[in-house]
């Protein structure tokens, strides 16, 4: 009984939220233009424990029109996965 009541309350809240947002449409305001310098906070070396292994990530400072990053995951002394990332903004 209690589980059903919670489901009904959640469904009612979700329906009200979706309908309320769909009906109250206002003209969209212009979105601010993203700047590469806004991503400066992520530059540096980040390392943490994750699922029994080590997550290791490096990000460069923004330069020119981009920045780059590297991620690797080490578990049991072995390189398990990696990613190379690039962020370019017009």
Protein backbone atom coordinates (compact mmCIF):
# COMPACT_ATOMS: atom_id res chain seq x y z
CA UNK A 1 0.00 0.00 0.00
CA UNK A 2 2.70 2.48 0.99
CA UNK A 3 4.75 1.67 -2.14
CA UNK A 4 1.70 2.29 -4.34
CA UNK A 5 1.05 5.64 -2.65
CA UNK A 6 4.64 6.73 -3.21
CA UNK A 7 4.43 5.71 -6.89
CA UNK A 8 1.19 7.70 -7.32
CA UNK A 9 2.69 10.77 -5.66
CA UNK A 10 5.83 10.54 -7.80
CA UNK A 11 3.82 10.04 -11.00
CA UNK A 12 1.62 13.03 -10.13
CA UNK A 13 4.62 15.22 -9.42
CA UNK A 14 6.32 14.18 -12.66
CA UNK A 15 3.18 14.76 -14.74
CA UNK A 16 2.66 18.18 -13.16
CA UNK A 17 6.27 19.12 -13.75
CA UNK A 18 6.26 18.03 -17.39
CA UNK A 19 2.88 19.55 -18.21
CA UNK A 20 3.64 22.75 -16.35
CA UNK A 21 6.89 23.25 -18.21
CA UNK A 22 5.33 22.36 -21.54
CA UNK A 23 2.43 24.79 -21.18
CA UNK A 24 4.35 27.75 -19.84
CA UNK A 25 6.41 28.41 -22.93
CA UNK A 26 8.18 31.71 -23.11
CA UNK A 27 10.52 32.93 -25.80
CA UNK A 28 13.97 31.45 -25.30
CA UNK A 29 16.58 33.92 -24.22
CA UNK A 30 19.86 33.83 -26.13
CA UNK A 31 22.31 31.34 -24.65
CA UNK A 32 25.68 32.73 -23.62
CA UNK A 33 28.53 31.87 -25.98
CA UNK A 34 30.92 29.28 -24.54
CA UNK A 35 34.55 30.33 -24.25
CA UNK A 36 37.51 28.01 -24.08
CA UNK A 37 38.82 29.89 -21.04
CA UNK A 38 35.69 28.70 -19.17
CA UNK A 39 37.28 25.21 -19.11
CA UNK A 40 40.55 26.42 -17.56
CA UNK A 41 39.47 25.04 -14.16
CA UNK A 42 40.00 21.45 -15.33
CA UNK A 43 43.65 21.92 -16.35
CA UNK A 44 46.19 19.99 -14.30
CA UNK A 45 46.72 16.46 -13.00
CA UNK A 46 43.87 14.54 -11.38
CA UNK A 47 44.29 11.14 -9.74
CA UNK A 48 41.92 9.08 -7.62
CA UNK A 49 41.04 5.52 -6.64
CA UNK A 50 38.24 4.00 -8.71
CA UNK A 51 36.87 0.44 -8.58
CA UNK A 52 40.02 -0.91 -6.96
CA UNK A 53 42.34 0.80 -9.43
CA UNK A 54 43.82 4.21 -10.15
CA UNK A 55 42.19 6.81 -12.38
CA UNK A 56 44.81 9.19 -13.79
CA UNK A 57 43.91 12.26 -15.87
CA UNK A 58 45.93 15.17 -17.28
CA UNK A 59 44.53 18.33 -18.95
CA UNK A 60 46.53 21.08 -20.63
CA UNK A 61 45.85 24.78 -20.20
CA UNK A 62 43.71 26.34 -22.93
CA UNK A 63 45.91 27.58 -25.78
CA UNK A 64 44.93 28.89 -29.17
CA UNK A 65 41.49 27.45 -29.90
CA UNK A 66 41.73 24.20 -27.93
CA UNK A 67 43.00 22.10 -25.10
CA UNK A 68 43.78 18.41 -24.77
CA UNK A 69 43.53 15.75 -22.12
CA UNK A 70 44.61 12.20 -21.40
CA UNK A 71 42.95 9.60 -19.18
CA UNK A 72 44.19 6.17 -18.18
CA UNK A 73 42.93 3.51 -15.77
CA UNK A 74 45.41 1.22 -14.01
CA UNK A 75 44.27 -1.85 -12.05
CA UNK A 76 46.37 -4.66 -10.56
CA UNK A 77 49.48 -2.98 -11.97
CA UNK A 78 48.16 -3.19 -15.55
CA UNK A 79 47.02 -0.49 -17.96
CA UNK A 80 43.33 -1.29 -18.53
CA UNK A 81 41.98 1.56 -20.66
CA UNK A 82 42.78 5.02 -21.92
CA UNK A 83 41.19 8.00 -23.64
CA UNK A 84 42.60 11.00 -25.44
CA UNK A 85 40.38 14.07 -25.47
CA UNK A 86 40.40 17.33 -27.37
CA UNK A 87 38.27 20.38 -26.67
CA UNK A 88 38.07 22.85 -29.53
CA UNK A 89 35.77 25.84 -29.59
CA UNK A 90 35.05 28.05 -32.60
